[in-house]
Amino acid sequence: MIPPDLLLMLIRRVSCRDELAFTEFYRLTCPILRPFVARILKDQSAAEEILQDVYVYVWQNTQAFSASRGTPVAWLYMIARSRALDSLRRSRRCTCAVELDAPESKSRELAVGGQVPDVWSHARIRQSTVLLPAAQRRILELAFTEGYTHTEIAEVTGLPLGTVKTWIRSSLMQLRGSLTTESGNLPLAA
């Protein structure tokens, strides 16, 4: 167990750009963080990349740490978990074969890897999004068409992260409601 007081002292020194303190902070914390990230990602090389991102963030943003909100180790776990989950989402987004209005599809349905037999037609979803305010529609496009994470959307739009999450959720609920009233039922579980 690493003494929390030692880590607090090292973080204070890192905030003053003390490279030796950062090296010691890394030496002490990386051995407990590495298996945590590797367990989430199930890929050692991806875990190493995430760890690098975490420690770059720590170096650049030590002022984001607040001892009143938790320990330095808890802060590291939170950063690492967020980065690892974002990485998983990005990799899933890249490997998921999504074809809209596939030419071989006679019913012009949204085909997800050809494995979902009865889903909404692309045109029907597009028509339903017209009912949304333009800003909310743009956020949905960034999330679901362009594959941005909530954090990336917040950065691109300049909106607070909480607003992005709320708008996405409320937009999806509004779309669900409009699609339900059109057809009487939903073709997919929500």
C-alpha atoms as a PDB file:
ATOM      1  CA  MET A   1       0.000   0.000   0.000  1.00  0.00           C
ATOM      2  CA  ILE A   2       1.351   3.394  -1.012  1.00  0.00           C
ATOM      3  CA  PRO A   3       1.119   6.068   1.698  1.00  0.00           C
ATOM      4  CA  PRO A   4      -1.480   8.631   0.509  1.00  0.00           C
ATOM      5  CA  ASP A   5       0.531  11.462   2.085  1.00  0.00           C
ATOM      6  CA  LEU A   6       3.507  10.572  -0.108  1.00  0.00           C
ATOM      7  CA  LEU A   7       1.342  10.671  -3.244  1.00  0.00           C
ATOM      8  CA  LEU A   8      -0.203  13.996  -2.193  1.00  0.00           C
ATOM      9  CA  MET A   9       3.257  15.459  -1.730  1.00  0.00           C
ATOM     10  CA  LEU A  10       4.346  14.125  -5.127  1.00  0.00           C
ATOM     11  CA  ILE A  11       1.265  15.572  -6.845  1.00  0.00           C
ATOM     12  CA  ARG A  12       2.009  18.986  -5.337  1.00  0.00           C
ATOM     13  CA  ARG A  13       5.565  18.768  -6.659  1.00  0.00           C
ATOM     14  CA  VAL A  14       4.349  17.578 -10.082  1.00  0.00           C
ATOM     15  CA  SER A  15       2.071  20.625 -10.257  1.00  0.00           C
ATOM     16  CA  CYS A  16       5.303  22.679 -10.008  1.00  0.00           C
ATOM     17  CA  ARG A  17       6.684  20.692 -12.974  1.00  0.00           C
ATOM     18  CA  ASP A  18       9.073  18.623 -10.881  1.00  0.00           C
ATOM     19  CA  GLU A  19      10.105  15.827 -13.256  1.00  0.00           C
ATOM     20  CA  LEU A  20      11.717  13.737 -10.518  1.00  0.00           C
ATOM     21  CA  ALA A  21       8.474  13.825  -8.518  1.00  0.00           C
ATOM     22  CA  PHE A  22       6.544  12.790 -11.616  1.00  0.00           C
ATOM     23  CA  THR A  23       8.933   9.889 -12.209  1.00  0.00           C
ATOM     24  CA  GLU A  24       8.498   8.738  -8.612  1.00  0.00           C
ATOM     25  CA  PHE A  25       4.695   9.151  -8.833  1.00  0.00           C
ATOM     26  CA  TYR A  26       4.705   7.019 -11.987  1.00  0.00           C
ATOM     27  CA  ARG A  27       7.009   4.399 -10.432  1.00  0.00           C
ATOM     28  CA  LEU A  28       4.740   4.014  -7.422  1.00  0.00           C
ATOM     29  CA  THR A  29       1.356   4.058  -9.130  1.00  0.00           C
ATOM     30  CA  CYS A  30       1.858   2.410 -12.516  1.00  0.00           C
ATOM     31  CA  PRO A  31       2.225  -1.126 -11.106  1.00  0.00           C
ATOM     32  CA  ILE A  32      -1.262  -0.933  -9.589  1.00  0.00           C
ATOM     33  CA  LEU A  33      -2.826   0.895 -12.541  1.00  0.00           C
ATOM     34  CA  ARG A  34      -1.420  -1.318 -15.329  1.00  0.00           C
ATOM     35  CA  PRO A  35      -3.313  -4.533 -14.373  1.00  0.00           C
ATOM     36  CA  PHE A  36      -6.510  -2.538 -13.808  1.00  0.00           C
ATOM     37  CA  VAL A  37      -6.422  -1.076 -17.335  1.00  0.00           C
ATOM     38  CA  ALA A  38      -5.310  -4.381 -18.884  1.00  0.00           C
ATOM     39  CA  ARG A  39      -8.251  -6.131 -17.230  1.00  0.00           C
ATOM     40  CA  ILE A  40     -10.686  -3.641 -18.790  1.00  0.00           C
ATOM     41  CA  LEU A  41      -9.156  -3.697 -22.273  1.00  0.00           C
ATOM     42  CA  LYS A  42      -7.948  -7.316 -22.380  1.00  0.00           C
ATOM     43  CA  ASP A  43      -5.082  -6.091 -24.554  1.00  0.00           C
ATOM     44  CA  GLN A  44      -1.667  -5.267 -23.119  1.00  0.00           C
ATOM     45  CA  SER A  45      -0.529  -2.928 -25.900  1.00  0.00           C
ATOM     46  CA  ALA A  46      -3.792  -0.968 -25.771  1.00  0.00           C
ATOM     47  CA  ALA A  47      -3.411  -0.791 -21.989  1.00  0.00           C
ATOM     48  CA  GLU A  48       0.077   0.700 -22.379  1.00  0.00           C
ATOM     49  CA  GLU A  49      -1.305   3.404 -24.688  1.00  0.00           C
ATOM     50  CA  ILE A  50      -4.045   4.240 -22.214  1.00  0.00           C
ATOM     51  CA  LEU A  51      -1.522   4.398 -19.373  1.00  0.00           C
ATOM     52  CA  GLN A  52       0.558   6.823 -21.388  1.00  0.00           C
ATOM     53  CA  ASP A  53      -2.536   8.991 -21.936  1.00  0.00           C
ATOM     54  CA  VAL A  54      -3.347   8.854 -18.217  1.00  0.00           C
ATOM     55  CA  TYR A  55       0.097   9.987 -17.149  1.00  0.00           C
ATOM     56  CA  VAL A  56       0.264  12.712 -19.799  1.00  0.00           C
ATOM     57  CA  TYR A  57      -3.053  13.946 -18.423  1.00  0.00           C
ATOM     58  CA  VAL A  58      -1.689  13.822 -14.875  1.00  0.00           C
ATOM     59  CA  TRP A  59       1.391  15.806 -15.908  1.00  0.00           C
ATOM     60  CA  GLN A  60      -0.696  18.451 -17.661  1.00  0.00           C
ATOM     61  CA  ASN A  61      -3.644  18.596 -15.241  1.00  0.00           C
ATOM     62  CA  THR A  62      -2.505  18.103 -11.676  1.00  0.00           C
ATOM     63  CA  GLN A  63      -4.693  21.076 -10.760  1.00  0.00           C
ATOM     64  CA  ALA A  64      -7.703  18.857 -11.567  1.00  0.00           C
ATOM     65  CA  PHE A  65      -6.892  16.717  -8.549  1.00  0.00           C
ATOM     66  CA  SER A  66      -8.718  17.630  -5.367  1.00  0.00           C
ATOM     67  CA  ALA A  67      -7.804  15.889  -2.122  1.00  0.00           C
ATOM     68  CA  SER A  68     -11.271  16.716  -0.783  1.00  0.00           C
ATOM     69  CA  ARG A  69     -12.811  14.510  -3.477  1.00  0.00           C
ATOM     70  CA  GLY A  70     -10.646  11.435  -2.980  1.00  0.00           C
ATOM     71  CA  THR A  71      -7.209   9.908  -2.882  1.00  0.00           C
ATOM     72  CA  PRO A  72      -4.616  10.229  -5.648  1.00  0.00           C
ATOM     73  CA  VAL A  73      -5.040   6.512  -6.437  1.00  0.00           C
ATOM     74  CA  ALA A  74      -8.825   6.887  -6.755  1.00  0.00           C
ATOM     75  CA  TRP A  75      -8.242   9.855  -9.083  1.00  0.00           C
ATOM     76  CA  LEU A  76      -5.908   7.761 -11.230  1.00  0.00           C
ATOM     77  CA  TYR A  77      -8.384   4.884 -11.340  1.00  0.00           C
ATOM     78  CA  MET A  78     -11.148   7.251 -12.449  1.00  0.00           C
ATOM     79  CA  ILE A  79      -9.016   8.749 -15.231  1.00  0.00           C
ATOM     80  CA  ALA A  80      -7.788   5.320 -16.372  1.00  0.00           C
ATOM     81  CA  ARG A  81     -11.271   3.796 -16.331  1.00  0.00           C
ATOM     82  CA  SER A  82     -12.705   6.660 -18.401  1.00  0.00           C
ATOM     83  CA  ARG A  83      -9.887   6.467 -20.938  1.00  0.00           C
ATOM     84  CA  ALA A  84     -10.102   2.667 -21.165  1.00  0.00           C
ATOM     85  CA  LEU A  85     -13.872   2.688 -21.675  1.00  0.00           C
ATOM     86  CA  ASP A  86     -13.566   5.413 -24.322  1.00  0.00           C
ATOM     87  CA  SER A  87     -10.978   3.255 -26.066  1.00  0.00           C
ATOM     88  CA  LEU A  88     -13.302   0.250 -25.974  1.00  0.00           C
ATOM     89  CA  ARG A  89     -16.133   2.310 -27.423  1.00  0.00           C
ATOM     90  CA  ARG A  90     -13.909   3.586 -30.228  1.00  0.00           C
ATOM     91  CA  SER A  91     -12.669   0.097 -31.076  1.00  0.00           C
ATOM     92  CA  ARG A  92     -16.193  -1.318 -31.083  1.00  0.00           C
ATOM     93  CA  ARG A  93     -17.315   1.525 -33.302  1.00  0.00           C
ATOM     94  CA  CYS A  94     -14.522   0.735 -35.764  1.00  0.00           C
ATOM     95  CA  THR A  95     -15.157  -3.014 -35.842  1.00  0.00           C
ATOM     96  CA  CYS A  96     -18.936  -2.896 -36.036  1.00  0.00           C
ATOM     97  CA  ALA A  97     -19.975  -3.172 -39.675  1.00  0.00           C
ATOM     98  CA  VAL A  98     -22.888  -0.806 -40.157  1.00  0.00           C
ATOM     99  CA  GLU A  99     -24.454  -0.354 -43.540  1.00  0.00           C
ATOM    100  CA  LEU A 100     -27.233   2.139 -44.110  1.00  0.00           C
ATOM    101  CA  ASP A 101     -29.626   1.400 -46.946  1.00  0.00           C
ATOM    102  CA  ALA A 102     -27.512  -1.512 -48.162  1.00  0.00           C
ATOM    103  CA  PRO A 103     -28.104  -2.110 -51.897  1.00  0.00           C
ATOM    104  CA  GLU A 104     -28.572  -5.848 -51.349  1.00  0.00           C
ATOM    105  CA  SER A 105     -31.283  -5.196 -48.777  1.00  0.00           C
ATOM    106  CA  LYS A 106     -34.691  -5.391 -50.435  1.00  0.00           C
ATOM    107  CA  SER A 107     -36.493  -3.696 -47.543  1.00  0.00           C
ATOM    108  CA  ARG A 108     -33.938  -0.853 -47.201  1.00  0.00           C
ATOM    109  CA  GLU A 109     -33.550  -1.538 -43.491  1.00  0.00           C
ATOM    110  CA  LEU A 110     -30.663  -0.570 -41.297  1.00  0.00           C
ATOM    111  CA  ALA A 111     -28.441  -3.647 -41.322  1.00  0.00           C
ATOM    112  CA  VAL A 112     -25.967  -4.084 -38.481  1.00  0.00           C
ATOM    113  CA  GLY A 113     -23.571  -6.741 -39.648  1.00  0.00           C
ATOM    114  CA  GLY A 114     -26.567  -8.441 -41.264  1.00  0.00           C
ATOM    115  CA  GLN A 115     -27.569  -9.843 -37.875  1.00  0.00           C
ATOM    116  CA  VAL A 116     -30.588  -7.738 -36.923  1.00  0.00           C
ATOM    117  CA  PRO A 117     -33.601  -8.942 -38.905  1.00  0.00           C
ATOM    118  CA  ASP A 118     -36.232  -6.283 -38.185  1.00  0.00           C
ATOM    119  CA  VAL A 119     -34.999  -2.765 -37.487  1.00  0.00           C
ATOM    120  CA  TRP A 120     -35.973   0.794 -38.304  1.00  0.00           C
ATOM    121  CA  SER A 121     -35.539   1.979 -41.844  1.00  0.00           C
ATOM    122  CA  HIS A 122     -32.898   4.640 -42.272  1.00  0.00           C
ATOM    123  CA  ALA A 123     -35.347   7.046 -43.918  1.00  0.00           C
ATOM    124  CA  ARG A 124     -37.785   6.710 -41.020  1.00  0.00           C
ATOM    125  CA  ILE A 125     -35.112   7.605 -38.477  1.00  0.00           C
ATOM    126  CA  ARG A 126     -33.964  10.547 -40.602  1.00  0.00           C
ATOM    127  CA  GLN A 127     -37.544  11.851 -40.860  1.00  0.00           C
ATOM    128  CA  SER A 128     -38.008  11.572 -37.099  1.00  0.00           C
ATOM    129  CA  THR A 129     -34.837  13.547 -36.335  1.00  0.00           C
ATOM    130  CA  VAL A 130     -36.233  16.518 -38.270  1.00  0.00           C
ATOM    131  CA  LEU A 131     -38.566  17.078 -35.306  1.00  0.00           C
ATOM    132  CA  LEU A 132     -35.592  17.746 -33.025  1.00  0.00           C
ATOM    133  CA  PRO A 133     -34.033  21.186 -32.493  1.00  0.00           C
ATOM    134  CA  ALA A 134     -31.064  21.707 -34.830  1.00  0.00           C
ATOM    135  CA  ALA A 135     -28.479  21.706 -32.003  1.00  0.00           C
ATOM    136  CA  GLN A 136     -29.761  18.413 -30.595  1.00  0.00           C
ATOM    137  CA  ARG A 137     -29.940  16.868 -34.060  1.00  0.00           C
ATOM    138  CA  ARG A 138     -26.286  17.858 -34.638  1.00  0.00           C
ATOM    139  CA  ILE A 139     -25.219  16.248 -31.363  1.00  0.00           C
ATOM    140  CA  LEU A 140     -26.996  13.011 -32.350  1.00  0.00           C
ATOM    141  CA  GLU A 141     -25.254  13.104 -35.729  1.00  0.00           C
ATOM    142  CA  LEU A 142     -21.880  13.538 -34.033  1.00  0.00           C
ATOM    143  CA  ALA A 143     -22.610  10.655 -31.660  1.00  0.00           C
ATOM    144  CA  PHE A 144     -24.217   8.125 -33.955  1.00  0.00           C
ATOM    145  CA  THR A 145     -23.189   9.034 -37.482  1.00  0.00           C
ATOM    146  CA  GLU A 146     -19.660  10.271 -36.879  1.00  0.00           C
ATOM    147  CA  GLY A 147     -18.976   8.124 -33.806  1.00  0.00           C
ATOM    148  CA  TYR A 148     -17.828  10.816 -31.377  1.00  0.00           C
ATOM    149  CA  THR A 149     -17.795  10.083 -27.635  1.00  0.00           C
ATOM    150  CA  HIS A 150     -19.714  12.364 -25.265  1.00  0.00           C
ATOM    151  CA  THR A 151     -16.446  13.986 -24.213  1.00  0.00           C
ATOM    152  CA  GLU A 152     -15.405  14.593 -27.815  1.00  0.00           C
ATOM    153  CA  ILE A 153     -18.804  16.139 -28.596  1.00  0.00           C
ATOM    154  CA  ALA A 154     -18.441  18.477 -25.631  1.00  0.00           C
ATOM    155  CA  GLU A 155     -15.007  19.542 -26.876  1.00  0.00           C
ATOM    156  CA  VAL A 156     -16.172  20.057 -30.485  1.00  0.00           C
ATOM    157  CA  THR A 157     -19.354  21.959 -29.611  1.00  0.00           C
ATOM    158  CA  GLY A 158     -18.085  23.829 -26.569  1.00  0.00           C
ATOM    159  CA  LEU A 159     -21.059  22.580 -24.539  1.00  0.00           C
ATOM    160  CA  PRO A 160     -20.696  21.219 -21.011  1.00  0.00           C
ATOM    161  CA  LEU A 161     -20.407  17.421 -20.882  1.00  0.00           C
ATOM    162  CA  GLY A 162     -23.573  17.155 -18.762  1.00  0.00           C
ATOM    163  CA  THR A 163     -25.549  19.110 -21.372  1.00  0.00           C
ATOM    164  CA  VAL A 164     -24.320  16.823 -24.136  1.00  0.00           C
ATOM    165  CA  LYS A 165     -25.375  13.723 -22.192  1.00  0.00           C
ATOM    166  CA  THR A 166     -28.765  15.213 -21.316  1.00  0.00           C
ATOM    167  CA  TRP A 167     -29.476  16.291 -24.885  1.00  0.00           C
ATOM    168  CA  ILE A 168     -28.547  12.889 -26.277  1.00  0.00           C
ATOM    169  CA  ARG A 169     -30.743  11.085 -23.770  1.00  0.00           C
ATOM    170  CA  SER A 170     -33.725  13.412 -24.198  1.00  0.00           C
ATOM    171  CA  SER A 171     -33.372  13.345 -28.003  1.00  0.00           C
ATOM    172  CA  LEU A 172     -33.332   9.547 -28.027  1.00  0.00           C
ATOM    173  CA  MET A 173     -36.382   9.453 -25.782  1.00  0.00           C
ATOM    174  CA  GLN A 174     -38.176  11.929 -28.054  1.00  0.00           C
ATOM    175  CA  LEU A 175     -37.243   9.850 -31.124  1.00  0.00           C
ATOM    176  CA  ARG A 176     -38.415   6.713 -29.387  1.00  0.00           C
ATOM    177  CA  GLY A 177     -41.724   8.379 -28.612  1.00  0.00           C
ATOM    178  CA  SER A 178     -42.241   9.587 -32.181  1.00  0.00           C
ATOM    179  CA  LEU A 179     -41.304   6.217 -33.667  1.00  0.00           C
ATOM    180  CA  THR A 180     -43.593   4.421 -31.205  1.00  0.00           C
ATOM    181  CA  THR A 181     -46.578   6.628 -32.067  1.00  0.00           C
ATOM    182  CA  GLU A 182     -45.974   6.121 -35.786  1.00  0.00           C
ATOM    183  CA  SER A 183     -45.900   2.343 -35.655  1.00  0.00           C
ATOM    184  CA  GLY A 184     -47.563   1.461 -32.373  1.00  0.00           C
ATOM    185  CA  ASN A 185     -44.529  -0.478 -31.208  1.00  0.00           C
ATOM    186  CA  LEU A 186     -40.779  -0.403 -31.370  1.00  0.00           C
ATOM    187  CA  PRO A 187     -38.942  -2.888 -33.567  1.00  0.00           C
ATOM    188  CA  LEU A 188     -35.974  -2.890 -31.163  1.00  0.00           C
ATOM    189  CA  ALA A 189     -35.767  -3.025 -27.395  1.00  0.00           C
ATOM    190  CA  ALA A 190     -34.785   0.329 -25.973  1.00  0.00           C
END
